Amino acid sequence: MCGRFIQIANPQRVRAYIGEAEVEPGVSESFRPSYNVAPTREVLAVLNTRPPRIALLRWGLIPFWTKDGSQSKALINARAETLETRPSFREPFRRRRCMIFADGFYEWDKKSKPKTPYLVRMRDRQPFAMAGLWDEWTDRTTNESVRSCTIVTTEANGLVSTIHDRMPAILRPESYPLWLAVGASDPAALKGVLAPYPQDLMEAFAVSMRMNDPAFDSPECMEPARG
């Protein structure tokens, strides 16, 4: 799974990776970089609109058809294998896809006691795009609309599998146009870009046990654990 990640690349930098994209009004002013993004926080996402829009969405998918938003925390991840079958993901997979740029993600080694947090990132330290789904839910009591998202996960590559059996589905730049295509696309083609990312382009190392606290949010999160 992916339960915490780093998002410090600002909207302008994300826009440079996408090319033709619009930053929604107020997003640049509201965006706050984070070294320890936790569920239910607002995250920067690129929506599959025409042209693509860069927006802030709540992390934890709230399906448009649900009666309330209480399940959002449980839907922070969507397994690539179930995108066509789970009701919460089926329609977003067909029509409402997004990309969530990250500068790294964290996994906890279940084999260690206590569980050791690891930072996984690109060797070149560049941001990368995680495949995501988004939806818009309206509170029937207040008529307030909430846009939310989930991160798609896939089988872990050789590097991450030493820590955890799942990892975010990281998209290659050549796959961006397909994932951000407006409306329905060929499901087989979409699922074909959700393979584990090449391990030789990534690195992983243990970080401070302070990562267990979601309030711990500073550049220190990225520093290797001491001794």
C-alpha atoms as a PDB file:
ATOM      1  CA  MET A   1       0.000   0.000   0.000  1.00  0.00           C
ATOM      2  CA  CYS A   2       0.946   3.659   0.134  1.00  0.00           C
ATOM      3  CA  GLY A   3      -0.080   5.344   3.369  1.00  0.00           C
ATOM      4  CA  ARG A   4       2.359   8.277   3.525  1.00  0.00           C
ATOM      5  CA  PHE A   5       4.315  10.166   0.906  1.00  0.00           C
ATOM      6  CA  ILE A   6       6.253  13.354   0.187  1.00  0.00           C
ATOM      7  CA  GLN A   7       4.805  16.127  -1.954  1.00  0.00           C
ATOM      8  CA  ILE A   8       7.026  19.199  -2.227  1.00  0.00           C
ATOM      9  CA  ALA A   9       6.917  19.859  -6.005  1.00  0.00           C
ATOM     10  CA  ASN A  10       4.681  22.942  -6.356  1.00  0.00           C
ATOM     11  CA  PRO A  11       1.918  23.431  -8.978  1.00  0.00           C
ATOM     12  CA  GLN A  12       4.209  25.292 -11.366  1.00  0.00           C
ATOM     13  CA  ARG A  13       6.784  22.520 -11.310  1.00  0.00           C
ATOM     14  CA  VAL A  14       4.098  19.876 -11.823  1.00  0.00           C
ATOM     15  CA  ARG A  15       2.722  21.888 -14.744  1.00  0.00           C
ATOM     16  CA  ALA A  16       6.171  21.778 -16.366  1.00  0.00           C
ATOM     17  CA  TYR A  17       6.003  17.965 -16.391  1.00  0.00           C
ATOM     18  CA  ILE A  18       2.556  17.915 -17.980  1.00  0.00           C
ATOM     19  CA  GLY A  19       2.910  20.628 -20.603  1.00  0.00           C
ATOM     20  CA  GLU A  20      -0.487  22.047 -21.476  1.00  0.00           C
ATOM     21  CA  ALA A  21      -2.314  22.183 -18.144  1.00  0.00           C
ATOM     22  CA  GLU A  22      -4.254  24.710 -16.113  1.00  0.00           C
ATOM     23  CA  VAL A  23      -3.721  25.438 -12.428  1.00  0.00           C
ATOM     24  CA  GLU A  24      -7.096  25.968 -10.777  1.00  0.00           C
ATOM     25  CA  PRO A  25      -7.616  29.378  -9.146  1.00  0.00           C
ATOM     26  CA  GLY A  26      -6.302  29.533  -5.605  1.00  0.00           C
ATOM     27  CA  VAL A  27      -4.310  26.307  -5.810  1.00  0.00           C
ATOM     28  CA  SER A  28      -0.878  27.947  -5.983  1.00  0.00           C
ATOM     29  CA  GLU A  29      -1.707  30.082  -2.941  1.00  0.00           C
ATOM     30  CA  SER A  30      -3.213  27.186  -0.946  1.00  0.00           C
ATOM     31  CA  PHE A  31      -0.635  24.491  -1.723  1.00  0.00           C
ATOM     32  CA  ARG A  32       1.597  23.581   1.210  1.00  0.00           C
ATOM     33  CA  PRO A  33       4.562  21.254   0.616  1.00  0.00           C
ATOM     34  CA  SER A  34       4.691  18.280   2.950  1.00  0.00           C
ATOM     35  CA  TYR A  35       7.389  15.741   3.800  1.00  0.00           C
ATOM     36  CA  ASN A  36       4.863  13.448   5.488  1.00  0.00           C
ATOM     37  CA  VAL A  37       1.493  13.542   3.712  1.00  0.00           C
ATOM     38  CA  ALA A  38      -1.100  11.555   5.658  1.00  0.00           C
ATOM     39  CA  PRO A  39      -4.612  10.399   4.641  1.00  0.00           C
ATOM     40  CA  THR A  40      -7.452  12.986   4.565  1.00  0.00           C
ATOM     41  CA  ARG A  41      -5.010  15.803   3.751  1.00  0.00           C
ATOM     42  CA  GLU A  42      -5.388  17.846   0.588  1.00  0.00           C
ATOM     43  CA  VAL A  43      -2.952  16.749  -2.091  1.00  0.00           C
ATOM     44  CA  LEU A  44      -1.969  18.155  -5.454  1.00  0.00           C
ATOM     45  CA  ALA A  45      -3.411  16.141  -8.349  1.00  0.00           C
ATOM     46  CA  VAL A  46      -3.617  16.448 -12.138  1.00  0.00           C
ATOM     47  CA  LEU A  47      -7.152  15.674 -13.340  1.00  0.00           C
ATOM     48  CA  ASN A  48      -8.031  14.112 -16.703  1.00  0.00           C
ATOM     49  CA  THR A  49      -9.940  17.087 -18.038  1.00  0.00           C
ATOM     50  CA  ARG A  50      -9.403  18.990 -21.272  1.00  0.00           C
ATOM     51  CA  PRO A  51      -6.967  20.613 -20.784  1.00  0.00           C
ATOM     52  CA  PRO A  52      -5.662  18.782 -17.688  1.00  0.00           C
ATOM     53  CA  ARG A  53      -6.326  20.702 -14.465  1.00  0.00           C
ATOM     54  CA  ILE A  54      -4.041  20.854 -11.451  1.00  0.00           C
ATOM     55  CA  ALA A  55      -6.190  20.852  -8.321  1.00  0.00           C
ATOM     56  CA  LEU A  56      -6.188  20.136  -4.598  1.00  0.00           C
ATOM     57  CA  LEU A  57      -8.119  16.990  -3.644  1.00  0.00           C
ATOM     58  CA  ARG A  58      -8.754  15.236  -0.357  1.00  0.00           C
ATOM     59  CA  TRP A  59      -6.717  12.024  -0.103  1.00  0.00           C
ATOM     60  CA  GLY A  60      -9.190   9.222   0.547  1.00  0.00           C
ATOM     61  CA  LEU A  61     -11.759   8.497  -2.149  1.00  0.00           C
ATOM     62  CA  ILE A  62     -15.414   9.306  -1.450  1.00  0.00           C
ATOM     63  CA  PRO A  63     -17.498   7.631  -4.210  1.00  0.00           C
ATOM     64  CA  PHE A  64     -20.114   9.932  -5.712  1.00  0.00           C
ATOM     65  CA  TRP A  65     -22.928   7.503  -4.826  1.00  0.00           C
ATOM     66  CA  THR A  66     -22.146   7.012  -1.134  1.00  0.00           C
ATOM     67  CA  LYS A  67     -24.508   8.454   1.496  1.00  0.00           C
ATOM     68  CA  ASP A  68     -21.749   9.944   3.629  1.00  0.00           C
ATOM     69  CA  GLY A  69     -18.029  10.609   3.528  1.00  0.00           C
ATOM     70  CA  SER A  70     -17.017   8.429   6.464  1.00  0.00           C
ATOM     71  CA  GLN A  71     -15.308   5.718   4.393  1.00  0.00           C
ATOM     72  CA  SER A  72     -12.823   8.035   2.690  1.00  0.00           C
ATOM     73  CA  LYS A  73      -9.948   7.204   5.032  1.00  0.00           C
ATOM     74  CA  ALA A  74     -10.254   3.523   4.126  1.00  0.00           C
ATOM     75  CA  LEU A  75     -10.035   4.233   0.390  1.00  0.00           C
ATOM     76  CA  ILE A  76      -6.606   5.847   0.262  1.00  0.00           C
ATOM     77  CA  ASN A  77      -5.410   3.076  -2.088  1.00  0.00           C
ATOM     78  CA  ALA A  78      -6.960   1.176  -4.997  1.00  0.00           C
ATOM     79  CA  ARG A  79      -5.456  -2.140  -6.056  1.00  0.00           C
ATOM     80  CA  ALA A  80      -4.779  -2.210  -9.803  1.00  0.00           C
ATOM     81  CA  GLU A  81      -6.174  -5.730  -9.960  1.00  0.00           C
ATOM     82  CA  THR A  82      -9.640  -4.638  -8.720  1.00  0.00           C
ATOM     83  CA  LEU A  83     -10.183  -1.355 -10.597  1.00  0.00           C
ATOM     84  CA  GLU A  84     -12.770  -2.896 -12.918  1.00  0.00           C
ATOM     85  CA  THR A  85     -14.648  -4.876 -10.278  1.00  0.00           C
ATOM     86  CA  ARG A  86     -14.920  -2.814  -7.076  1.00  0.00           C
ATOM     87  CA  PRO A  87     -17.920  -0.443  -7.234  1.00  0.00           C
ATOM     88  CA  SER A  88     -15.941   2.369  -5.599  1.00  0.00           C
ATOM     89  CA  PHE A  89     -13.299   2.305  -8.342  1.00  0.00           C
ATOM     90  CA  ARG A  90     -15.079   1.068 -11.467  1.00  0.00           C
ATOM     91  CA  GLU A  91     -16.510   4.363 -12.734  1.00  0.00           C
ATOM     92  CA  PRO A  92     -13.516   6.532 -11.730  1.00  0.00           C
ATOM     93  CA  PHE A  93     -11.214   4.065 -13.503  1.00  0.00           C
ATOM     94  CA  ARG A  94     -13.249   4.461 -16.677  1.00  0.00           C
ATOM     95  CA  ARG A  95     -13.727   8.228 -16.588  1.00  0.00           C
ATOM     96  CA  ARG A  96     -12.031  10.041 -13.677  1.00  0.00           C
ATOM     97  CA  ARG A  97      -8.327   9.330 -13.528  1.00  0.00           C
ATOM     98  CA  CYS A  98      -5.616  11.567 -12.122  1.00  0.00           C
ATOM     99  CA  MET A  99      -1.904  11.720 -11.417  1.00  0.00           C
ATOM    100  CA  ILE A 100      -0.457  12.566  -8.026  1.00  0.00           C
ATOM    101  CA  PHE A 101       3.137  13.762  -8.164  1.00  0.00           C
ATOM    102  CA  ALA A 102       5.347  12.736  -5.255  1.00  0.00           C
ATOM    103  CA  ASP A 103       8.974  13.167  -4.271  1.00  0.00           C
ATOM    104  CA  GLY A 104       9.055   9.877  -2.381  1.00  0.00           C
ATOM    105  CA  PHE A 105       6.823   7.477  -0.456  1.00  0.00           C
ATOM    106  CA  TYR A 106       7.160   5.595   2.818  1.00  0.00           C
ATOM    107  CA  GLU A 107       6.672   1.941   3.665  1.00  0.00           C
ATOM    108  CA  TRP A 108       7.052   0.157   6.992  1.00  0.00           C
ATOM    109  CA  ASP A 109       9.041  -3.084   7.152  1.00  0.00           C
ATOM    110  CA  LYS A 110       6.664  -5.564   8.763  1.00  0.00           C
ATOM    111  CA  LYS A 111       9.480  -8.025   9.471  1.00  0.00           C
ATOM    112  CA  SER A 112      11.262  -5.694  11.895  1.00  0.00           C
ATOM    113  CA  LYS A 113      10.187  -5.095  15.499  1.00  0.00           C
ATOM    114  CA  PRO A 114       9.219  -2.371  15.920  1.00  0.00           C
ATOM    115  CA  LYS A 115       8.293  -1.785  12.270  1.00  0.00           C
ATOM    116  CA  THR A 116      10.967   0.309  10.580  1.00  0.00           C
ATOM    117  CA  PRO A 117       9.885   3.116   8.215  1.00  0.00           C
ATOM    118  CA  TYR A 118      11.671   3.319   4.847  1.00  0.00           C
ATOM    119  CA  LEU A 119      11.759   6.137   2.323  1.00  0.00           C
ATOM    120  CA  VAL A 120      11.545   5.045  -1.317  1.00  0.00           C
ATOM    121  CA  ARG A 121      12.398   7.574  -4.016  1.00  0.00           C
ATOM    122  CA  MET A 122      14.033   7.994  -7.407  1.00  0.00           C
ATOM    123  CA  ARG A 123      17.805   7.809  -7.546  1.00  0.00           C
ATOM    124  CA  ASP A 124      17.899  11.129  -9.375  1.00  0.00           C
ATOM    125  CA  ARG A 125      15.696  12.701  -6.629  1.00  0.00           C
ATOM    126  CA  GLN A 126      13.152  13.878  -9.213  1.00  0.00           C
ATOM    127  CA  PRO A 127       9.378  13.889  -8.611  1.00  0.00           C
ATOM    128  CA  PHE A 128       7.338  11.050 -10.117  1.00  0.00           C
ATOM    129  CA  ALA A 129       3.674  10.594 -11.030  1.00  0.00           C
ATOM    130  CA  MET A 130       1.579   8.047  -9.143  1.00  0.00           C
ATOM    131  CA  ALA A 131      -1.545   6.810 -10.921  1.00  0.00           C
ATOM    132  CA  GLY A 132      -4.714   7.857  -9.150  1.00  0.00           C
ATOM    133  CA  LEU A 133      -8.498   7.997  -9.395  1.00  0.00           C
ATOM    134  CA  TRP A 134     -10.730  10.885  -8.381  1.00  0.00           C
ATOM    135  CA  ASP A 135     -14.402  11.470  -7.719  1.00  0.00           C
ATOM    136  CA  GLU A 136     -16.763  14.228  -6.580  1.00  0.00           C
ATOM    137  CA  TRP A 137     -19.263  13.660  -3.794  1.00  0.00           C
ATOM    138  CA  THR A 138     -22.018  16.037  -2.671  1.00  0.00           C
ATOM    139  CA  ASP A 139     -23.170  16.208   0.935  1.00  0.00           C
ATOM    140  CA  ARG A 140     -26.965  15.900   0.765  1.00  0.00           C
ATOM    141  CA  THR A 141     -27.356  17.910   3.953  1.00  0.00           C
ATOM    142  CA  THR A 142     -25.210  20.929   3.106  1.00  0.00           C
ATOM    143  CA  ASN A 143     -24.928  20.603  -0.710  1.00  0.00           C
ATOM    144  CA  GLU A 144     -21.172  20.970  -0.269  1.00  0.00           C
ATOM    145  CA  SER A 145     -19.121  19.176  -2.919  1.00  0.00           C
ATOM    146  CA  VAL A 146     -15.917  17.348  -2.015  1.00  0.00           C
ATOM    147  CA  ARG A 147     -13.401  16.159  -4.584  1.00  0.00           C
ATOM    148  CA  SER A 148     -11.249  13.293  -3.402  1.00  0.00           C
ATOM    149  CA  CYS A 149      -8.688  10.833  -4.745  1.00  0.00           C
ATOM    150  CA  THR A 150      -7.023   7.481  -4.192  1.00  0.00           C
ATOM    151  CA  ILE A 151      -3.589   6.167  -5.188  1.00  0.00           C
ATOM    152  CA  VAL A 152      -3.460   3.064  -7.387  1.00  0.00           C
ATOM    153  CA  THR A 153      -1.108   0.353  -6.142  1.00  0.00           C
ATOM    154  CA  THR A 154       0.500  -2.585  -7.904  1.00  0.00           C
ATOM    155  CA  GLU A 155       2.826  -5.453  -7.039  1.00  0.00           C
ATOM    156  CA  ALA A 156       6.122  -4.344  -5.537  1.00  0.00           C
ATOM    157  CA  ASN A 157       9.293  -4.427  -7.609  1.00  0.00           C
ATOM    158  CA  GLY A 158      12.388  -6.243  -6.359  1.00  0.00           C
ATOM    159  CA  LEU A 159      13.574  -3.279  -4.290  1.00  0.00           C
ATOM    160  CA  VAL A 160      10.302  -2.507  -2.516  1.00  0.00           C
ATOM    161  CA  SER A 161       9.370  -6.188  -2.056  1.00  0.00           C
ATOM    162  CA  THR A 162      12.071  -6.508   0.612  1.00  0.00           C
ATOM    163  CA  ILE A 163       9.948  -4.078   2.670  1.00  0.00           C
ATOM    164  CA  HIS A 164       6.358  -4.514   1.475  1.00  0.00           C
ATOM    165  CA  ASP A 165       4.460  -6.512  -1.151  1.00  0.00           C
ATOM    166  CA  ARG A 166       2.733  -3.455  -2.703  1.00  0.00           C
ATOM    167  CA  MET A 167       3.872  -0.108  -4.108  1.00  0.00           C
ATOM    168  CA  PRO A 168       2.272   2.863  -5.886  1.00  0.00           C
ATOM    169  CA  ALA A 169       1.729   2.417  -9.618  1.00  0.00           C
ATOM    170  CA  ILE A 170       4.249   4.931 -10.969  1.00  0.00           C
ATOM    171  CA  LEU A 171       3.605   6.154 -14.493  1.00  0.00           C
ATOM    172  CA  ARG A 172       6.275   6.698 -17.105  1.00  0.00           C
ATOM    173  CA  PRO A 173       6.084  10.089 -18.909  1.00  0.00           C
ATOM    174  CA  GLU A 174       5.047   8.404 -22.166  1.00  0.00           C
ATOM    175  CA  SER A 175       1.991   7.029 -20.325  1.00  0.00           C
ATOM    176  CA  TYR A 176       0.754  10.414 -19.091  1.00  0.00           C
ATOM    177  CA  PRO A 177      -1.445  11.164 -22.161  1.00  0.00           C
ATOM    178  CA  LEU A 178      -3.194   7.788 -21.926  1.00  0.00           C
ATOM    179  CA  TRP A 179      -3.873   8.033 -18.193  1.00  0.00           C
ATOM    180  CA  LEU A 180      -5.093  11.624 -18.533  1.00  0.00           C
ATOM    181  CA  ALA A 181      -7.257  10.935 -21.590  1.00  0.00           C
ATOM    182  CA  VAL A 182     -10.730  12.422 -21.244  1.00  0.00           C
ATOM    183  CA  GLY A 183     -13.547   9.919 -20.788  1.00  0.00           C
ATOM    184  CA  ALA A 184     -13.431   6.179 -21.255  1.00  0.00           C
ATOM    185  CA  SER A 185     -10.328   4.441 -22.619  1.00  0.00           C
ATOM    186  CA  ASP A 186      -9.408   0.845 -23.335  1.00  0.00           C
ATOM    187  CA  PRO A 187      -9.220  -0.836 -19.883  1.00  0.00           C
ATOM    188  CA  ALA A 188      -6.523  -3.256 -21.047  1.00  0.00           C
ATOM    189  CA  ALA A 189      -4.318  -0.392 -22.243  1.00  0.00           C
ATOM    190  CA  LEU A 190      -4.853   1.506 -18.994  1.00  0.00           C
ATOM    191  CA  LYS A 191      -4.008  -1.501 -16.834  1.00  0.00           C
ATOM    192  CA  GLY A 192      -0.964  -2.126 -18.995  1.00  0.00           C
ATOM    193  CA  VAL A 193       0.753   1.013 -17.661  1.00  0.00           C
ATOM    194  CA  LEU A 194       0.303  -0.015 -14.011  1.00  0.00           C
ATOM    195  CA  ALA A 195       3.274  -2.391 -13.871  1.00  0.00           C
ATOM    196  CA  PRO A 196       5.904  -2.207 -11.101  1.00  0.00           C
ATOM    197  CA  TYR A 197       8.402   0.594 -11.758  1.00  0.00           C
ATOM    198  CA  PRO A 198      11.988  -0.469 -12.630  1.00  0.00           C
ATOM    199  CA  GLN A 199      13.863  -1.038  -9.400  1.00  0.00           C
ATOM    200  CA  ASP A 200      17.231   0.095 -10.754  1.00  0.00           C
ATOM    201  CA  LEU A 201      15.889   3.658 -11.016  1.00  0.00           C
ATOM    202  CA  MET A 202      14.902   3.770  -7.350  1.00  0.00           C
ATOM    203  CA  GLU A 203      16.506   3.693  -3.912  1.00  0.00           C
ATOM    204  CA  ALA A 204      15.249   2.910  -0.411  1.00  0.00           C
ATOM    205  CA  PHE A 205      16.662   3.492   3.073  1.00  0.00           C
ATOM    206  CA  ALA A 206      15.472   3.465   6.672  1.00  0.00           C
ATOM    207  CA  VAL A 207      14.380   6.772   8.192  1.00  0.00           C
ATOM    208  CA  SER A 208      13.583   8.001  11.684  1.00  0.00           C
ATOM    209  CA  MET A 209      10.992   6.206  13.821  1.00  0.00           C
ATOM    210  CA  ARG A 210       9.469   9.659  14.299  1.00  0.00           C
ATOM    211  CA  MET A 211       7.733   8.974  10.975  1.00  0.00           C
ATOM    212  CA  ASN A 212       5.142   7.055  12.992  1.00  0.00           C
ATOM    213  CA  ASP A 213       3.772  10.443  14.049  1.00  0.00           C
ATOM    214  CA  PRO A 214       1.808  12.123  11.199  1.00  0.00           C
ATOM    215  CA  ALA A 215       2.568  15.490  12.810  1.00  0.00           C
ATOM    216  CA  PHE A 216       6.290  14.998  12.123  1.00  0.00           C
ATOM    217  CA  ASP A 217       6.625  17.008   8.913  1.00  0.00           C
ATOM    218  CA  SER A 218       9.988  18.539   8.064  1.00  0.00           C
ATOM    219  CA  PRO A 219      12.994  17.892   5.777  1.00  0.00           C
ATOM    220  CA  GLU A 220      14.301  15.626   8.549  1.00  0.00           C
ATOM    221  CA  CYS A 221      11.774  13.050   7.353  1.00  0.00           C
ATOM    222  CA  MET A 222      14.039  12.412   4.353  1.00  0.00           C
ATOM    223  CA  GLU A 223      17.230  11.863   6.312  1.00  0.00           C
ATOM    224  CA  PRO A 224      18.619   8.311   6.733  1.00  0.00           C
ATOM    225  CA  ALA A 225      18.121   6.801  10.183  1.00  0.00           C
ATOM    226  CA  ARG A 226      21.104   7.108  12.481  1.00  0.00           C
ATOM    227  CA  GLY A 227      22.765   3.962  13.715  1.00  0.00           C
END
